[in-house]
Amino acid sequence: MTEIRIEGSEQSFTCAPSDSLLAGGLRAGLGMPYECTAGACGTCKFELLEGDVEVLWDDAPGLSARDRAKNRKLACQCRPLTDCRIKIRFDEACMPQVNPLKQTATLIATNEITHDIREFRFATDTAATFRPGQFATLQLPGVRGTRAYSMSNLPNGKGEWHFQVRRVKGGNASNTLFDQLHVGDQITLDGPFGMAFLREDSARDVVCIAGGSGLAPMVSIARAMASTGQLASRRLHFFYGARTQRDVCGEALLESLPGFGERIRFYPSVSSTQEQDAPRWSGRVGFIHEYVEEIMGADLHGHDYYMAGPPPMIQAVLDTLQTRHMVDKSQIYFDRFF
């Protein structure tokens, strides 16, 4: 174990040999800022003042040339080799709701969602403790580093963790899951992580916006609202953006929930209708951020927004909500899938 001391503070924490600085800080219950845990967003930057670290990804895009010149590093991509002294900005909002736990998980079942999204169900020996909307990182056999995937189910005492994963062309991790992992195989699961979890203390109606495998955390939020009785006083508007009609999914997962069609509304949109040999798409064509603006109209300010999906989709929604309509950032929660 190494000791990590925080510059300008009396706070410190210990870090296990296999943990990144970020994971060690979160396990200690500290509010270390982060978003993707994958080296892409740059939210977890820090300055190394003393000590040595192993950099897991030298070319991580979360650091600019200026960051590197100033000796800034990413907490999610640094594993301490010695005791360290670091300078980092803490954020009380990032204090973990549940301290992440690294454990072994066994694949117990799979389920096809679309032609390229499959649900993988894992079981652990301990309860699956997380907040709806959060994610975990998976260490897969033969894959360098970890990958972040959101849970689609609810917290449970059975220790079941359900992930909806999209196959990525040339993607080492997704192809390992789809082609090489079989029921009974084991992986390492670490979590939960993420700040886009359902705020149950809000009275505002909810808008969920998903794209691709960003469906999973939004389904978890919808299931939580249905299971806790929140739909008695709140409505849920669920938007799903897909490239083509065969990529559209989510409705089958929502229609079994109480209140579907009344308290829960589903709004799919495709950005392209150029599908060979496919039935004609009769739904909306266009980008999902435009659909949100069209449906919510003058009432955009009266909702809480949760979203998960590709960074361009997230940015387009943020531009619509914050730049065009001045929706307060305290009403917007998201995870980017890099």
C-alpha atoms as a PDB file:
ATOM      1  CA  MET A   1       0.000   0.000   0.000  1.00  0.00           C
ATOM      2  CA  THR A   2       1.202   3.500  -0.782  1.00  0.00           C
ATOM      3  CA  GLU A   3       0.224   6.693   1.026  1.00  0.00           C
ATOM      4  CA  ILE A   4      -1.079   9.616  -0.995  1.00  0.00           C
ATOM      5  CA  ARG A   5      -0.886  13.029   0.683  1.00  0.00           C
ATOM      6  CA  ILE A   6      -2.911  15.993  -0.582  1.00  0.00           C
ATOM      7  CA  GLU A   7      -1.089  19.322  -0.939  1.00  0.00           C
ATOM      8  CA  GLY A   8      -2.603  22.116   1.150  1.00  0.00           C
ATOM      9  CA  SER A   9      -4.684  19.690   3.175  1.00  0.00           C
ATOM     10  CA  GLU A  10      -4.350  17.304   6.066  1.00  0.00           C
ATOM     11  CA  GLN A  11      -6.145  14.651   4.028  1.00  0.00           C
ATOM     12  CA  SER A  12      -4.408  11.519   2.822  1.00  0.00           C
ATOM     13  CA  PHE A  13      -5.388   8.041   1.688  1.00  0.00           C
ATOM     14  CA  THR A  14      -3.780   4.701   0.990  1.00  0.00           C
ATOM     15  CA  CYS A  15      -3.746   3.102  -2.428  1.00  0.00           C
ATOM     16  CA  ALA A  16      -3.606  -0.637  -3.137  1.00  0.00           C
ATOM     17  CA  PRO A  17      -0.910  -1.808  -5.602  1.00  0.00           C
ATOM     18  CA  SER A  18      -3.477  -2.601  -8.310  1.00  0.00           C
ATOM     19  CA  ASP A  19      -5.470   0.632  -7.921  1.00  0.00           C
ATOM     20  CA  SER A  20      -5.231   3.891  -9.818  1.00  0.00           C
ATOM     21  CA  LEU A  21      -5.004   7.082  -7.791  1.00  0.00           C
ATOM     22  CA  LEU A  22      -8.635   7.795  -8.644  1.00  0.00           C
ATOM     23  CA  ALA A  23      -9.865   4.391  -7.495  1.00  0.00           C
ATOM     24  CA  GLY A  24      -7.891   4.647  -4.265  1.00  0.00           C
ATOM     25  CA  GLY A  25      -9.309   8.073  -3.477  1.00  0.00           C
ATOM     26  CA  LEU A  26     -12.884   7.018  -4.191  1.00  0.00           C
ATOM     27  CA  ARG A  27     -12.515   3.864  -2.090  1.00  0.00           C
ATOM     28  CA  ALA A  28     -11.466   6.180   0.731  1.00  0.00           C
ATOM     29  CA  GLY A  29     -14.687   8.157   0.260  1.00  0.00           C
ATOM     30  CA  LEU A  30     -13.002  11.313  -1.070  1.00  0.00           C
ATOM     31  CA  GLY A  31     -14.638  13.661  -3.558  1.00  0.00           C
ATOM     32  CA  MET A  32     -12.111  13.276  -6.353  1.00  0.00           C
ATOM     33  CA  PRO A  33     -13.553  14.763  -9.564  1.00  0.00           C
ATOM     34  CA  TYR A  34     -13.969  12.364 -12.469  1.00  0.00           C
ATOM     35  CA  GLU A  35     -16.303  11.426 -15.280  1.00  0.00           C
ATOM     36  CA  CYS A  36     -15.275   8.653 -17.673  1.00  0.00           C
ATOM     37  CA  THR A  37     -12.547   6.781 -15.654  1.00  0.00           C
ATOM     38  CA  ALA A  38     -11.028   5.919 -19.061  1.00  0.00           C
ATOM     39  CA  GLY A  39      -8.518   8.707 -19.683  1.00  0.00           C
ATOM     40  CA  ALA A  40     -10.612  10.579 -22.226  1.00  0.00           C
ATOM     41  CA  CYS A  41     -12.491  13.360 -20.435  1.00  0.00           C
ATOM     42  CA  GLY A  42      -9.646  14.980 -18.471  1.00  0.00           C
ATOM     43  CA  THR A  43     -11.802  15.685 -15.418  1.00  0.00           C
ATOM     44  CA  CYS A  44      -9.482  13.917 -12.943  1.00  0.00           C
ATOM     45  CA  LYS A  45      -6.322  15.964 -13.656  1.00  0.00           C
ATOM     46  CA  PHE A  46      -3.806  16.405 -10.852  1.00  0.00           C
ATOM     47  CA  GLU A  47      -0.225  17.569 -10.367  1.00  0.00           C
ATOM     48  CA  LEU A  48       2.375  15.135  -9.077  1.00  0.00           C
ATOM     49  CA  LEU A  49       4.576  17.039  -6.611  1.00  0.00           C
ATOM     50  CA  GLU A  50       6.500  14.147  -5.063  1.00  0.00           C
ATOM     51  CA  GLY A  51       6.779  10.423  -5.704  1.00  0.00           C
ATOM     52  CA  ASP A  52       6.632   8.091  -8.695  1.00  0.00           C
ATOM     53  CA  VAL A  53       3.652   6.712 -10.594  1.00  0.00           C
ATOM     54  CA  GLU A  54       3.133   4.242 -13.415  1.00  0.00           C
ATOM     55  CA  VAL A  55       1.255   5.902 -16.271  1.00  0.00           C
ATOM     56  CA  LEU A  56      -1.165   3.346 -17.699  1.00  0.00           C
ATOM     57  CA  TRP A  57      -1.893   5.234 -20.937  1.00  0.00           C
ATOM     58  CA  ASP A  58       0.808   7.646 -22.073  1.00  0.00           C
ATOM     59  CA  ASP A  59      -1.239   9.121 -24.908  1.00  0.00           C
ATOM     60  CA  ALA A  60      -4.549   9.496 -23.074  1.00  0.00           C
ATOM     61  CA  PRO A  61      -6.550  12.214 -24.886  1.00  0.00           C
ATOM     62  CA  GLY A  62      -7.715  13.735 -21.618  1.00  0.00           C
ATOM     63  CA  LEU A  63      -4.414  15.638 -21.368  1.00  0.00           C
ATOM     64  CA  SER A  64      -3.459  18.521 -23.650  1.00  0.00           C
ATOM     65  CA  ALA A  65       0.107  19.430 -24.602  1.00  0.00           C
ATOM     66  CA  ARG A  66      -0.106  22.282 -22.112  1.00  0.00           C
ATOM     67  CA  ASP A  67      -1.217  19.877 -19.366  1.00  0.00           C
ATOM     68  CA  ARG A  68       1.768  17.647 -20.048  1.00  0.00           C
ATOM     69  CA  ALA A  69       4.147  20.610 -20.016  1.00  0.00           C
ATOM     70  CA  LYS A  70       2.825  21.552 -16.571  1.00  0.00           C
ATOM     71  CA  ASN A  71       3.326  17.965 -15.306  1.00  0.00           C
ATOM     72  CA  ARG A  72      -0.397  17.348 -14.998  1.00  0.00           C
ATOM     73  CA  LYS A  73      -1.554  13.752 -15.035  1.00  0.00           C
ATOM     74  CA  LEU A  74      -4.818  11.820 -14.948  1.00  0.00           C
ATOM     75  CA  ALA A  75      -5.714  10.154 -11.659  1.00  0.00           C
ATOM     76  CA  CYS A  76      -7.576   7.393 -13.499  1.00  0.00           C
ATOM     77  CA  GLN A  77      -4.447   6.534 -15.516  1.00  0.00           C
ATOM     78  CA  CYS A  78      -1.801   6.671 -12.776  1.00  0.00           C
ATOM     79  CA  ARG A  79      -0.863   3.859 -10.434  1.00  0.00           C
ATOM     80  CA  PRO A  80       1.393   4.977  -7.537  1.00  0.00           C
ATOM     81  CA  LEU A  81       4.717   3.161  -7.215  1.00  0.00           C
ATOM     82  CA  THR A  82       5.802   5.040  -4.078  1.00  0.00           C
ATOM     83  CA  ASP A  83       4.252   7.336  -1.501  1.00  0.00           C
ATOM     84  CA  CYS A  84       3.165  10.505  -3.297  1.00  0.00           C
ATOM     85  CA  ARG A  85       2.230  14.111  -2.676  1.00  0.00           C
ATOM     86  CA  ILE A  86      -0.291  15.486  -5.158  1.00  0.00           C
ATOM     87  CA  LYS A  87      -2.220  18.674  -5.860  1.00  0.00           C
ATOM     88  CA  ILE A  88      -5.832  18.084  -6.838  1.00  0.00           C
ATOM     89  CA  ARG A  89      -9.140  19.921  -6.636  1.00  0.00           C
ATOM     90  CA  PHE A  90     -11.712  18.115  -4.524  1.00  0.00           C
ATOM     91  CA  ASP A  91     -15.413  18.402  -5.297  1.00  0.00           C
ATOM     92  CA  GLU A  92     -17.958  17.581  -2.611  1.00  0.00           C
ATOM     93  CA  ALA A  93     -20.468  16.668  -5.328  1.00  0.00           C
ATOM     94  CA  CYS A  94     -18.137  13.847  -6.400  1.00  0.00           C
ATOM     95  CA  MET A  95     -18.044  12.133  -3.019  1.00  0.00           C
ATOM     96  CA  PRO A  96     -19.069   8.525  -3.724  1.00  0.00           C
ATOM     97  CA  GLN A  97     -22.616   7.516  -2.821  1.00  0.00           C
ATOM     98  CA  VAL A  98     -21.295   3.966  -2.493  1.00  0.00           C
ATOM     99  CA  ASN A  99     -17.569   3.351  -2.117  1.00  0.00           C
ATOM    100  CA  PRO A 100     -16.434   1.236  -5.104  1.00  0.00           C
ATOM    101  CA  LEU A 101     -15.483  -2.386  -4.491  1.00  0.00           C
ATOM    102  CA  LYS A 102     -13.308  -4.576  -6.719  1.00  0.00           C
ATOM    103  CA  GLN A 103     -14.507  -8.186  -6.869  1.00  0.00           C
ATOM    104  CA  THR A 104     -14.821 -11.280  -9.031  1.00  0.00           C
ATOM    105  CA  ALA A 105     -17.971 -11.581 -11.154  1.00  0.00           C
ATOM    106  CA  THR A 106     -19.294 -14.646 -12.996  1.00  0.00           C
ATOM    107  CA  LEU A 107     -21.236 -14.451 -16.266  1.00  0.00           C
ATOM    108  CA  ILE A 108     -24.610 -16.118 -15.634  1.00  0.00           C
ATOM    109  CA  ALA A 109     -26.688 -15.191 -18.719  1.00  0.00           C
ATOM    110  CA  THR A 110     -26.893 -13.128 -21.915  1.00  0.00           C
ATOM    111  CA  ASN A 111     -29.820 -11.599 -23.787  1.00  0.00           C
ATOM    112  CA  GLU A 112     -30.002 -10.024 -27.255  1.00  0.00           C
ATOM    113  CA  ILE A 113     -31.319  -6.432 -27.281  1.00  0.00           C
ATOM    114  CA  THR A 114     -30.654  -5.434 -30.918  1.00  0.00           C
ATOM    115  CA  HIS A 115     -28.491  -6.674 -33.785  1.00  0.00           C
ATOM    116  CA  ASP A 116     -25.424  -5.164 -32.072  1.00  0.00           C
ATOM    117  CA  ILE A 117     -26.406  -4.670 -28.398  1.00  0.00           C
ATOM    118  CA  ARG A 118     -26.406  -7.601 -26.002  1.00  0.00           C
ATOM    119  CA  GLU A 119     -27.167  -7.723 -22.283  1.00  0.00           C
ATOM    120  CA  PHE A 120     -24.578  -9.509 -20.139  1.00  0.00           C
ATOM    121  CA  ARG A 121     -25.614 -10.582 -16.652  1.00  0.00           C
ATOM    122  CA  PHE A 122     -22.956 -11.135 -14.016  1.00  0.00           C
ATOM    123  CA  ALA A 123     -23.197 -12.288 -10.405  1.00  0.00           C
ATOM    124  CA  THR A 124     -20.947 -11.452  -7.451  1.00  0.00           C
ATOM    125  CA  ASP A 125     -20.753 -12.955  -3.976  1.00  0.00           C
ATOM    126  CA  THR A 126     -21.801  -9.661  -2.386  1.00  0.00           C
ATOM    127  CA  ALA A 127     -24.917  -7.549  -2.954  1.00  0.00           C
ATOM    128  CA  ALA A 128     -25.052  -5.381  -6.079  1.00  0.00           C
ATOM    129  CA  THR A 129     -24.989  -2.006  -4.337  1.00  0.00           C
ATOM    130  CA  PHE A 130     -25.190   1.059  -6.571  1.00  0.00           C
ATOM    131  CA  ARG A 131     -27.419   3.993  -7.475  1.00  0.00           C
ATOM    132  CA  PRO A 132     -29.595   3.724 -10.616  1.00  0.00           C
ATOM    133  CA  GLY A 133     -27.693   5.383 -13.455  1.00  0.00           C
ATOM    134  CA  GLN A 134     -24.189   4.450 -12.281  1.00  0.00           C
ATOM    135  CA  PHE A 135     -21.576   2.284 -14.016  1.00  0.00           C
ATOM    136  CA  ALA A 136     -18.852  -0.233 -13.202  1.00  0.00           C
ATOM    137  CA  THR A 137     -15.531  -1.024 -14.854  1.00  0.00           C
ATOM    138  CA  LEU A 138     -14.807  -4.516 -16.151  1.00  0.00           C
ATOM    139  CA  GLN A 139     -11.399  -6.152 -16.514  1.00  0.00           C
ATOM    140  CA  LEU A 140     -11.773  -8.716 -19.289  1.00  0.00           C
ATOM    141  CA  PRO A 141      -9.412 -11.590 -20.133  1.00  0.00           C
ATOM    142  CA  GLY A 142      -6.843 -10.641 -22.755  1.00  0.00           C
ATOM    143  CA  VAL A 143      -7.895  -6.972 -22.795  1.00  0.00           C
ATOM    144  CA  ARG A 144      -5.482  -4.281 -21.669  1.00  0.00           C
ATOM    145  CA  GLY A 145      -7.004  -1.888 -19.168  1.00  0.00           C
ATOM    146  CA  THR A 146     -10.622  -1.728 -18.034  1.00  0.00           C
ATOM    147  CA  ARG A 147     -13.845  -0.720 -19.772  1.00  0.00           C
ATOM    148  CA  ALA A 148     -16.758   1.186 -18.251  1.00  0.00           C
ATOM    149  CA  TYR A 149     -20.303  -0.130 -18.681  1.00  0.00           C
ATOM    150  CA  SER A 150     -23.495   1.076 -16.999  1.00  0.00           C
ATOM    151  CA  MET A 151     -25.890  -1.146 -15.097  1.00  0.00           C
ATOM    152  CA  SER A 152     -29.374  -1.528 -16.584  1.00  0.00           C
ATOM    153  CA  ASN A 153     -30.952  -3.273 -13.596  1.00  0.00           C
ATOM    154  CA  LEU A 154     -31.676  -2.147 -10.041  1.00  0.00           C
ATOM    155  CA  PRO A 155     -29.560  -2.588  -6.901  1.00  0.00           C
ATOM    156  CA  ASN A 156     -30.240  -6.010  -5.443  1.00  0.00           C
ATOM    157  CA  GLY A 157     -29.199  -8.403  -2.713  1.00  0.00           C
ATOM    158  CA  LYS A 158     -28.630 -11.263  -5.177  1.00  0.00           C
ATOM    159  CA  GLY A 159     -25.440  -9.685  -6.475  1.00  0.00           C
ATOM    160  CA  GLU A 160     -26.634  -9.400 -10.097  1.00  0.00           C
ATOM    161  CA  TRP A 161     -25.138  -6.766 -12.374  1.00  0.00           C
ATOM    162  CA  HIS A 162     -26.702  -6.347 -15.840  1.00  0.00           C
ATOM    163  CA  PHE A 163     -24.840  -4.525 -18.626  1.00  0.00           C
ATOM    164  CA  GLN A 164     -26.073  -3.692 -22.136  1.00  0.00           C
ATOM    165  CA  VAL A 165     -23.032  -3.588 -24.400  1.00  0.00           C
ATOM    166  CA  ARG A 166     -22.840  -2.471 -28.023  1.00  0.00           C
ATOM    167  CA  ARG A 167     -20.440  -4.358 -30.271  1.00  0.00           C
ATOM    168  CA  VAL A 168     -17.876  -1.909 -31.617  1.00  0.00           C
ATOM    169  CA  LYS A 169     -16.169  -2.730 -34.901  1.00  0.00           C
ATOM    170  CA  GLY A 170     -12.552  -3.487 -34.032  1.00  0.00           C
ATOM    171  CA  GLY A 171     -13.306  -3.032 -30.329  1.00  0.00           C
ATOM    172  CA  ASN A 172     -11.172  -5.420 -28.296  1.00  0.00           C
ATOM    173  CA  ALA A 173     -13.356  -5.336 -25.190  1.00  0.00           C
ATOM    174  CA  SER A 174     -16.782  -5.601 -26.826  1.00  0.00           C
ATOM    175  CA  ASN A 175     -15.626  -8.364 -29.172  1.00  0.00           C
ATOM    176  CA  THR A 176     -14.181 -10.272 -26.224  1.00  0.00           C
ATOM    177  CA  LEU A 177     -17.544 -10.056 -24.477  1.00  0.00           C
ATOM    178  CA  PHE A 178     -19.505 -11.084 -27.572  1.00  0.00           C
ATOM    179  CA  ASP A 179     -17.221 -13.788 -28.960  1.00  0.00           C
ATOM    180  CA  GLN A 180     -15.045 -15.204 -26.200  1.00  0.00           C
ATOM    181  CA  LEU A 181     -16.856 -14.907 -22.876  1.00  0.00           C
ATOM    182  CA  HIS A 182     -19.189 -17.768 -21.993  1.00  0.00           C
ATOM    183  CA  VAL A 183     -21.598 -18.466 -19.149  1.00  0.00           C
ATOM    184  CA  GLY A 184     -19.533 -19.536 -16.152  1.00  0.00           C
ATOM    185  CA  ASP A 185     -16.496 -17.425 -17.085  1.00  0.00           C
ATOM    186  CA  GLN A 186     -15.176 -14.932 -14.546  1.00  0.00           C
ATOM    187  CA  ILE A 187     -14.001 -11.334 -14.824  1.00  0.00           C
ATOM    188  CA  THR A 188     -13.033  -8.548 -12.403  1.00  0.00           C
ATOM    189  CA  LEU A 189     -15.758  -5.984 -11.692  1.00  0.00           C
ATOM    190  CA  ASP A 190     -15.050  -2.671  -9.958  1.00  0.00           C
ATOM    191  CA  GLY A 191     -17.666  -0.158  -8.915  1.00  0.00           C
ATOM    192  CA  PRO A 192     -19.953   1.582  -8.712  1.00  0.00           C
ATOM    193  CA  PHE A 193     -18.837   4.842 -10.316  1.00  0.00           C
ATOM    194  CA  GLY A 194     -20.631   7.777 -11.918  1.00  0.00           C
ATOM    195  CA  MET A 195     -22.489  10.951 -11.013  1.00  0.00           C
ATOM    196  CA  ALA A 196     -25.510  10.602 -13.336  1.00  0.00           C
ATOM    197  CA  PHE A 197     -27.598   8.684 -10.810  1.00  0.00           C
ATOM    198  CA  LEU A 198     -31.273   9.338 -10.110  1.00  0.00           C
ATOM    199  CA  ARG A 199     -31.942  12.171  -7.655  1.00  0.00           C
ATOM    200  CA  GLU A 200     -34.961  10.898  -5.773  1.00  0.00           C
ATOM    201  CA  ASP A 201     -35.375  14.061  -3.702  1.00  0.00           C
ATOM    202  CA  SER A 202     -36.388  16.197  -6.691  1.00  0.00           C
ATOM    203  CA  ALA A 203     -40.040  16.934  -7.447  1.00  0.00           C
ATOM    204  CA  ARG A 204     -39.406  17.766 -11.117  1.00  0.00           C
ATOM    205  CA  ASP A 205     -40.457  15.489 -13.972  1.00  0.00           C
ATOM    206  CA  VAL A 206     -37.616  13.546 -15.582  1.00  0.00           C
ATOM    207  CA  VAL A 207     -36.263  13.486 -19.131  1.00  0.00           C
ATOM    208  CA  CYS A 208     -33.972  10.560 -20.013  1.00  0.00           C
ATOM    209  CA  ILE A 209     -31.937  10.885 -23.215  1.00  0.00           C
ATOM    210  CA  ALA A 210     -29.997   7.881 -24.508  1.00  0.00           C
ATOM    211  CA  GLY A 211     -27.987   6.962 -27.562  1.00  0.00           C
ATOM    212  CA  GLY A 212     -26.426   3.585 -28.377  1.00  0.00           C
ATOM    213  CA  SER A 213     -25.570   1.536 -25.302  1.00  0.00           C
ATOM    214  CA  GLY A 214     -26.253   4.649 -23.232  1.00  0.00           C
ATOM    215  CA  LEU A 215     -29.660   2.988 -23.019  1.00  0.00           C
ATOM    216  CA  ALA A 216     -28.608   0.929 -19.988  1.00  0.00           C
ATOM    217  CA  PRO A 217     -28.319   3.603 -17.260  1.00  0.00           C
ATOM    218  CA  MET A 218     -31.464   5.347 -18.477  1.00  0.00           C
ATOM    219  CA  VAL A 219     -33.408   2.075 -18.246  1.00  0.00           C
ATOM    220  CA  SER A 220     -32.084   1.635 -14.704  1.00  0.00           C
ATOM    221  CA  ILE A 221     -33.371   5.110 -13.814  1.00  0.00           C
ATOM    222  CA  ALA A 222     -36.774   4.366 -15.362  1.00  0.00           C
ATOM    223  CA  ARG A 223     -37.023   1.097 -13.453  1.00  0.00           C
ATOM    224  CA  ALA A 224     -36.101   2.860 -10.222  1.00  0.00           C
ATOM    225  CA  MET A 225     -38.787   5.487 -10.695  1.00  0.00           C
ATOM    226  CA  ALA A 226     -41.372   2.782 -11.366  1.00  0.00           C
ATOM    227  CA  SER A 227     -40.335   0.586  -8.434  1.00  0.00           C
ATOM    228  CA  THR A 228     -40.225   3.336  -5.803  1.00  0.00           C
ATOM    229  CA  GLY A 229     -43.582   4.935  -6.578  1.00  0.00           C
ATOM    230  CA  GLN A 230     -42.069   8.163  -7.904  1.00  0.00           C
ATOM    231  CA  LEU A 231     -44.242   7.982 -11.004  1.00  0.00           C
ATOM    232  CA  ALA A 232     -47.247   8.798  -8.833  1.00  0.00           C
ATOM    233  CA  SER A 233     -46.030  12.402  -8.701  1.00  0.00           C
ATOM    234  CA  ARG A 234     -43.469  12.627 -11.533  1.00  0.00           C
ATOM    235  CA  ARG A 235     -43.588  11.911 -15.252  1.00  0.00           C
ATOM    236  CA  LEU A 236     -40.811  10.344 -17.310  1.00  0.00           C
ATOM    237  CA  HIS A 237     -40.069  11.331 -20.912  1.00  0.00           C
ATOM    238  CA  PHE A 238     -37.661   8.801 -22.453  1.00  0.00           C
ATOM    239  CA  PHE A 239     -35.840   9.812 -25.668  1.00  0.00           C
ATOM    240  CA  TYR A 240     -33.727   7.356 -27.643  1.00  0.00           C
ATOM    241  CA  GLY A 241     -31.563   8.438 -30.558  1.00  0.00           C
ATOM    242  CA  ALA A 242     -30.412   5.859 -33.095  1.00  0.00           C
ATOM    243  CA  ARG A 243     -28.640   5.962 -36.430  1.00  0.00           C
ATOM    244  CA  THR A 244     -31.084   3.703 -38.296  1.00  0.00           C
ATOM    245  CA  GLN A 245     -34.369   2.016 -37.468  1.00  0.00           C
ATOM    246  CA  ARG A 246     -32.815  -1.360 -36.697  1.00  0.00           C
ATOM    247  CA  ASP A 247     -30.724   0.385 -34.020  1.00  0.00           C
ATOM    248  CA  VAL A 248     -33.834   1.606 -32.175  1.00  0.00           C
ATOM    249  CA  CYS A 249     -34.416  -0.106 -28.837  1.00  0.00           C
ATOM    250  CA  GLY A 250     -35.719   0.580 -25.358  1.00  0.00           C
ATOM    251  CA  GLU A 251     -39.479   0.479 -25.772  1.00  0.00           C
ATOM    252  CA  ALA A 252     -39.725  -3.252 -25.033  1.00  0.00           C
ATOM    253  CA  LEU A 253     -37.798  -2.701 -21.794  1.00  0.00           C
ATOM    254  CA  LEU A 254     -40.069   0.150 -20.710  1.00  0.00           C
ATOM    255  CA  GLU A 255     -43.527  -1.058 -21.716  1.00  0.00           C
ATOM    256  CA  SER A 256     -43.643  -3.609 -18.887  1.00  0.00           C
ATOM    257  CA  LEU A 257     -43.280  -0.823 -16.310  1.00  0.00           C
ATOM    258  CA  PRO A 258     -46.425   0.475 -14.585  1.00  0.00           C
ATOM    259  CA  GLY A 259     -47.542   3.749 -16.111  1.00  0.00           C
ATOM    260  CA  PHE A 260     -46.082   3.163 -19.568  1.00  0.00           C
ATOM    261  CA  GLY A 261     -47.989   5.230 -22.111  1.00  0.00           C
ATOM    262  CA  GLU A 262     -49.313   7.560 -19.407  1.00  0.00           C
ATOM    263  CA  ARG A 263     -46.643   8.479 -16.860  1.00  0.00           C
ATOM    264  CA  ILE A 264     -43.860   7.099 -19.084  1.00  0.00           C
ATOM    265  CA  ARG A 265     -43.586   8.256 -22.696  1.00  0.00           C
ATOM    266  CA  PHE A 266     -41.106   6.854 -25.228  1.00  0.00           C
ATOM    267  CA  TYR A 267     -39.770   9.032 -28.072  1.00  0.00           C
ATOM    268  CA  PRO A 268     -37.440   7.316 -30.584  1.00  0.00           C
ATOM    269  CA  SER A 269     -35.721   9.136 -33.418  1.00  0.00           C
ATOM    270  CA  VAL A 270     -33.370   7.992 -36.188  1.00  0.00           C
ATOM    271  CA  SER A 271     -30.812  10.179 -37.936  1.00  0.00           C
ATOM    272  CA  SER A 272     -30.837   8.157 -41.179  1.00  0.00           C
ATOM    273  CA  THR A 273     -33.466   6.200 -43.109  1.00  0.00           C
ATOM    274  CA  GLN A 274     -31.074   4.779 -45.710  1.00  0.00           C
ATOM    275  CA  GLU A 275     -31.541   1.115 -44.820  1.00  0.00           C
ATOM    276  CA  GLN A 276     -31.533  -1.475 -47.561  1.00  0.00           C
ATOM    277  CA  ASP A 277     -34.397  -3.984 -47.475  1.00  0.00           C
ATOM    278  CA  ALA A 278     -35.862  -2.444 -44.300  1.00  0.00           C
ATOM    279  CA  PRO A 279     -39.530  -1.539 -43.775  1.00  0.00           C
ATOM    280  CA  ARG A 280     -40.191   2.149 -44.162  1.00  0.00           C
ATOM    281  CA  TRP A 281     -39.594   4.047 -40.918  1.00  0.00           C
ATOM    282  CA  SER A 282     -42.754   5.901 -39.924  1.00  0.00           C
ATOM    283  CA  GLY A 283     -41.296   7.577 -36.851  1.00  0.00           C
ATOM    284  CA  ARG A 284     -39.319  10.754 -36.439  1.00  0.00           C
ATOM    285  CA  VAL A 285     -36.166  11.405 -38.476  1.00  0.00           C
ATOM    286  CA  GLY A 286     -33.592  13.811 -37.059  1.00  0.00           C
ATOM    287  CA  PHE A 287     -31.167  14.320 -34.220  1.00  0.00           C
ATOM    288  CA  ILE A 288     -32.323  13.535 -30.711  1.00  0.00           C
ATOM    289  CA  HIS A 289     -31.467  16.963 -29.258  1.00  0.00           C
ATOM    290  CA  GLU A 290     -33.832  18.539 -31.794  1.00  0.00           C
ATOM    291  CA  TYR A 291     -36.567  16.097 -30.794  1.00  0.00           C
ATOM    292  CA  VAL A 292     -36.144  16.949 -27.107  1.00  0.00           C
ATOM    293  CA  GLU A 293     -36.470  20.642 -27.907  1.00  0.00           C
ATOM    294  CA  GLU A 294     -39.530  20.001 -30.084  1.00  0.00           C
ATOM    295  CA  ILE A 295     -41.418  17.847 -27.557  1.00  0.00           C
ATOM    296  CA  MET A 296     -40.539  19.668 -24.335  1.00  0.00           C
ATOM    297  CA  GLY A 297     -41.045  23.112 -25.869  1.00  0.00           C
ATOM    298  CA  ALA A 298     -41.620  25.942 -23.435  1.00  0.00           C
ATOM    299  CA  ASP A 299     -41.413  23.562 -20.470  1.00  0.00           C
ATOM    300  CA  LEU A 300     -37.710  22.738 -20.907  1.00  0.00           C
ATOM    301  CA  HIS A 301     -36.831  24.446 -17.615  1.00  0.00           C
ATOM    302  CA  GLY A 302     -39.230  22.354 -15.543  1.00  0.00           C
ATOM    303  CA  HIS A 303     -37.416  19.008 -15.771  1.00  0.00           C
ATOM    304  CA  ASP A 304     -34.387  17.090 -14.562  1.00  0.00           C
ATOM    305  CA  TYR A 305     -32.281  15.733 -17.439  1.00  0.00           C
ATOM    306  CA  TYR A 306     -30.336  12.472 -17.416  1.00  0.00           C
ATOM    307  CA  MET A 307     -28.382  11.408 -20.470  1.00  0.00           C
ATOM    308  CA  ALA A 308     -25.870   8.824 -21.613  1.00  0.00           C
ATOM    309  CA  GLY A 309     -24.389   8.215 -25.022  1.00  0.00           C
ATOM    310  CA  PRO A 310     -21.683   9.249 -27.484  1.00  0.00           C
ATOM    311  CA  PRO A 311     -19.904  12.548 -26.676  1.00  0.00           C
ATOM    312  CA  PRO A 312     -21.257  14.358 -29.793  1.00  0.00           C
ATOM    313  CA  MET A 313     -24.824  13.547 -28.732  1.00  0.00           C
ATOM    314  CA  ILE A 314     -24.188  14.714 -25.173  1.00  0.00           C
ATOM    315  CA  GLN A 315     -22.596  17.941 -26.389  1.00  0.00           C
ATOM    316  CA  ALA A 316     -25.478  18.668 -28.762  1.00  0.00           C
ATOM    317  CA  VAL A 317     -28.011  18.204 -25.948  1.00  0.00           C
ATOM    318  CA  LEU A 318     -25.947  20.392 -23.603  1.00  0.00           C
ATOM    319  CA  ASP A 319     -25.748  23.129 -26.235  1.00  0.00           C
ATOM    320  CA  THR A 320     -29.521  22.968 -26.657  1.00  0.00           C
ATOM    321  CA  LEU A 321     -30.339  22.987 -22.946  1.00  0.00           C
ATOM    322  CA  GLN A 322     -27.682  25.313 -21.549  1.00  0.00           C
ATOM    323  CA  THR A 323     -26.698  27.611 -24.410  1.00  0.00           C
ATOM    324  CA  ARG A 324     -29.997  27.999 -26.250  1.00  0.00           C
ATOM    325  CA  HIS A 325     -32.424  27.723 -23.331  1.00  0.00           C
ATOM    326  CA  MET A 326     -30.364  28.489 -20.203  1.00  0.00           C
ATOM    327  CA  VAL A 327     -31.458  25.376 -18.284  1.00  0.00           C
ATOM    328  CA  ASP A 328     -29.620  25.378 -14.958  1.00  0.00           C
ATOM    329  CA  LYS A 329     -26.708  22.931 -14.849  1.00  0.00           C
ATOM    330  CA  SER A 330     -27.976  21.616 -11.492  1.00  0.00           C
ATOM    331  CA  GLN A 331     -30.825  19.968 -13.442  1.00  0.00           C
ATOM    332  CA  ILE A 332     -28.520  18.120 -15.874  1.00  0.00           C
ATOM    333  CA  TYR A 333     -26.703  14.834 -15.199  1.00  0.00           C
ATOM    334  CA  PHE A 334     -24.708  12.831 -17.737  1.00  0.00           C
ATOM    335  CA  ASP A 335     -22.000  10.308 -18.484  1.00  0.00           C
ATOM    336  CA  ARG A 336     -20.132  10.351 -21.786  1.00  0.00           C
ATOM    337  CA  PHE A 337     -19.323   7.037 -23.491  1.00  0.00           C
ATOM    338  CA  PHE A 338     -15.942   7.389 -25.220  1.00  0.00           C
END
